[in-house]
Amino acid sequence: MKKIVILGGGTGGTAIANKLRKALSRDEWEITVIDRDDKHIYQPGLLFVPFGLCTVESIIKSRKKFISNGINFIIDPIKRVNHENNRVETKGGSFDYDWLIIGTGCRLAPEENEGLMDEWGKNAFSFYTPETAESLRHAIAGFKGGKLVMNVAELPFKCPVAPIEFIFLADWYFRQKGIRDK
C-alpha cells in the first residue's frame, strides 16, 4: 500500500486530503493528516472579530468534522521530517510515507520588524490569529479618535486582500460609532 502523509489539517491540508481520498483507491492508498491540534480556525472570520461582527469561538470548529471518512487524522505535534527515510516523526510516533504534502500554513513574525514588539498589543496589532484579533477588538472598542494606520510590514503576508478589507470595515465601524471624522 502506498502512503500519503499530509502535514497540516487546515484548509489546504484538509482540501487536498479530501480530494485525494475521492480520487485514489482505498485499497492502494493510505492517507494520513497530521496536525498539532483539532482546532480548525476559519481564517477569513478573524477579520470580523475586531469589529464585534463575530466571536473567536464562532469561527473555531473541530478539524475532524471536515476530514472525510477513510483518512487517518492524527493529533500530534510534528518534531521532524526525515527525508532520507521518508518518515515524519511526531512527539508520539513516526509515520512512513511515499508522498509527503506540507500544508502547515504560515506564521506571524512581528519580532522580525525592528521596534514592533515594543508596541505589540499596545498600539500595534494584528488580526491574523484568534489572540491578536481579540486583542485588537478590545483596542478598537476603546478607540475615541486619532490616526489609524494599516501597515503591511513585509511581503509575503498571509492574505493579500485582508488589509484593504480591514480598512473598509474600520471605515464602516467608525461611521457607525459616529467618530469617523475624529
Protein backbone atom coordinates (compact mmCIF):
# COMPACT_ATOMS: atom_id res chain seq x y z
CA MET A 1 0.00 0.00 0.00
CA LYS A 2 1.26 3.48 -0.89
CA LYS A 3 1.16 6.12 1.83
CA ILE A 4 0.48 9.83 1.61
CA VAL A 5 1.19 11.92 4.70
CA ILE A 6 -0.14 15.46 4.85
CA LEU A 7 1.30 17.82 7.43
CA GLY A 8 -1.33 20.34 8.46
CA GLY A 9 -5.07 19.92 8.85
CA GLY A 10 -6.05 23.47 7.96
CA THR A 11 -7.94 24.46 4.85
CA GLY A 12 -5.17 23.48 2.42
CA GLY A 13 -4.25 20.17 4.03
CA THR A 14 -7.87 19.15 4.52
CA ALA A 15 -8.91 20.11 1.00
CA ILE A 16 -6.11 18.13 -0.65
CA ALA A 17 -6.69 15.13 1.65
CA ASN A 18 -10.40 15.04 0.80
CA LYS A 19 -9.73 15.48 -2.92
CA LEU A 20 -7.13 12.71 -2.94
CA ARG A 21 -9.41 10.39 -0.97
CA LYS A 22 -12.08 10.74 -3.66
CA ALA A 23 -9.58 10.20 -6.48
CA LEU A 24 -7.45 7.35 -5.11
CA SER A 25 -8.36 3.75 -4.35
CA ARG A 26 -8.66 2.95 -0.65
CA ASP A 27 -7.13 -0.46 -1.40
CA GLU A 28 -3.99 1.12 -2.84
CA TRP A 29 -3.56 4.41 -0.98
CA GLU A 30 -3.49 5.26 2.72
CA ILE A 31 -3.90 8.95 3.53
CA THR A 32 -2.87 10.42 6.88
CA VAL A 33 -3.27 14.04 8.02
CA ILE A 34 -1.17 15.14 11.00
CA ASP A 35 -1.75 18.34 12.96
CA ARG A 36 -0.86 19.57 16.44
CA ASP A 37 -4.50 20.12 17.45
CA ASP A 38 -8.13 19.63 16.48
CA LYS A 39 -8.96 23.35 16.16
CA HIS A 40 -9.81 24.47 12.65
CA ILE A 41 -9.91 28.27 12.59
CA TYR A 42 -11.94 29.80 9.81
CA GLN A 43 -9.25 32.33 8.93
CA PRO A 44 -11.43 34.82 6.99
CA GLY A 45 -13.63 35.18 10.07
CA LEU A 46 -10.72 36.64 12.05
CA LEU A 47 -11.14 39.87 10.09
CA PHE A 48 -14.60 40.34 11.61
CA VAL A 49 -13.61 39.74 15.25
CA PRO A 50 -12.07 43.20 15.86
CA PHE A 51 -15.37 44.84 14.90
CA GLY A 52 -17.55 42.57 17.05
CA LEU A 53 -19.22 41.03 13.99
CA CYS A 54 -18.35 37.52 15.19
CA THR A 55 -16.55 35.91 18.09
CA VAL A 56 -13.41 33.81 18.09
CA GLU A 57 -15.44 30.89 19.44
CA SER A 58 -17.84 31.05 16.49
CA ILE A 59 -15.07 30.53 13.92
CA ILE A 60 -13.32 27.57 15.57
CA LYS A 61 -14.56 24.06 14.78
CA SER A 62 -13.20 20.54 15.09
CA ARG A 63 -10.82 19.64 12.25
CA LYS A 64 -12.23 16.10 12.35
CA LYS A 65 -15.57 17.49 11.17
CA PHE A 66 -14.05 18.45 7.81
CA ILE A 67 -11.87 15.40 7.15
CA SER A 68 -13.56 12.70 5.05
CA ASN A 69 -14.00 9.09 6.10
CA GLY A 70 -11.11 6.91 5.04
CA ILE A 71 -8.47 9.46 6.08
CA ASN A 72 -6.40 8.91 9.21
CA PHE A 73 -6.34 12.04 11.35
CA ILE A 74 -3.53 12.21 13.86
CA ILE A 75 -3.35 14.90 16.54
CA ASP A 76 0.32 15.02 17.50
CA PRO A 77 2.96 17.76 17.24
CA ILE A 78 5.43 17.22 14.40
CA LYS A 79 9.01 17.03 15.57
CA ARG A 80 10.95 16.26 12.41
CA VAL A 81 10.66 15.31 8.77
CA ASN A 82 13.27 12.65 7.97
CA HIS A 83 13.57 12.98 4.20
CA GLU A 84 16.29 10.36 3.95
CA ASN A 85 13.96 7.66 5.27
CA ASN A 86 10.61 9.11 4.09
CA ARG A 87 9.36 9.36 7.64
CA VAL A 88 7.59 12.02 9.68
CA GLU A 89 8.43 11.94 13.37
CA THR A 90 5.92 13.26 15.86
CA LYS A 91 6.02 13.56 19.62
CA GLY A 92 4.18 10.24 19.92
CA GLY A 93 5.45 8.18 16.99
CA SER A 94 6.51 8.10 13.37
CA PHE A 95 4.77 7.78 10.01
CA ASP A 96 6.35 6.46 6.83
CA TYR A 97 5.33 7.96 3.51
CA ASP A 98 5.72 7.56 -0.21
CA TRP A 99 4.44 11.08 -0.83
CA LEU A 100 4.64 14.00 1.60
CA ILE A 101 2.45 17.10 1.34
CA ILE A 102 3.27 20.06 3.56
CA GLY A 103 0.27 22.28 4.25
CA THR A 104 1.25 23.83 7.57
CA GLY A 105 0.41 27.39 6.56
CA CYS A 106 2.40 30.41 7.61
CA ARG A 107 3.10 32.13 10.88
CA LEU A 108 3.32 35.73 12.00
CA ALA A 109 6.79 37.04 12.82
CA PRO A 110 6.34 40.56 14.24
CA GLU A 111 9.63 40.17 16.10
CA GLU A 112 11.42 40.41 12.75
CA ASN A 113 10.37 44.07 12.43
CA GLU A 114 12.69 46.23 14.48
CA GLY A 115 10.86 48.00 17.31
CA LEU A 116 7.46 46.45 16.62
CA MET A 117 7.45 44.26 19.71
CA ASP A 118 7.81 47.36 21.91
CA GLU A 119 4.29 48.35 20.83
CA TRP A 120 2.80 44.90 20.19
CA GLY A 121 -0.59 44.59 21.86
CA LYS A 122 -0.50 48.24 22.98
CA ASN A 123 -0.50 50.37 19.83
CA ALA A 124 0.41 47.75 17.22
CA PHE A 125 -1.94 44.87 16.46
CA SER A 126 -2.75 42.10 14.03
CA PHE A 127 -5.95 40.25 13.20
CA TYR A 128 -4.36 37.08 11.82
CA THR A 129 -4.67 34.89 14.93
CA PRO A 130 -7.50 34.43 17.43
CA GLU A 131 -5.43 36.05 20.18
CA THR A 132 -4.37 39.09 18.16
CA ALA A 133 -7.84 39.59 16.67
CA GLU A 134 -9.35 39.57 20.16
CA SER A 135 -6.70 42.00 21.44
CA LEU A 136 -7.43 44.33 18.53
CA ARG A 137 -11.17 44.10 19.28
CA HIS A 138 -10.55 45.49 22.77
CA ALA A 139 -8.35 48.28 21.39
CA ILE A 140 -10.84 49.31 18.71
CA ALA A 141 -13.74 49.27 21.19
CA GLY A 142 -11.88 51.85 23.28
CA PHE A 143 -10.69 53.96 20.35
CA LYS A 144 -12.02 57.52 20.64
CA GLY A 145 -10.28 59.08 17.66
CA GLY A 146 -6.87 59.76 16.21
CA LYS A 147 -4.90 58.11 13.47
CA LEU A 148 -5.34 54.53 12.39
CA VAL A 149 -2.52 53.21 10.22
CA MET A 150 -2.65 49.95 8.29
CA ASN A 151 0.86 48.76 7.58
CA VAL A 152 1.99 45.72 5.63
CA ALA A 153 5.47 45.32 7.07
CA GLU A 154 6.89 42.92 4.53
CA LEU A 155 5.96 40.61 1.69
CA PRO A 156 4.81 37.93 1.53
CA PHE A 157 1.97 38.20 4.01
CA LYS A 158 -0.86 35.94 4.97
CA CYS A 159 -3.79 37.27 2.94
CA PRO A 160 -3.20 39.94 0.30
CA VAL A 161 -6.74 41.36 0.31
CA ALA A 162 -7.20 41.44 4.10
CA PRO A 163 -5.56 44.85 4.78
CA ILE A 164 -7.89 46.68 2.39
CA GLU A 165 -10.88 44.74 3.76
CA PHE A 166 -9.82 45.79 7.25
CA ILE A 167 -9.71 49.45 6.21
CA PHE A 168 -13.20 49.24 4.68
CA LEU A 169 -14.54 47.59 7.83
CA ALA A 170 -12.84 50.19 10.04
CA ASP A 171 -14.38 52.98 7.97
CA TRP A 172 -17.83 51.40 8.36
CA TYR A 173 -17.32 50.69 12.09
CA PHE A 174 -16.18 54.21 12.99
CA ARG A 175 -19.03 55.72 10.98
CA GLN A 176 -21.45 53.52 12.97
CA LYS A 177 -19.88 54.78 16.21
CA GLY A 178 -20.09 58.37 14.98
CA ILE A 179 -16.36 59.00 15.28
CA ARG A 180 -15.18 58.52 11.67
CA ASP A 181 -14.29 62.21 11.34
CA LYS A 182 -12.22 62.15 14.51
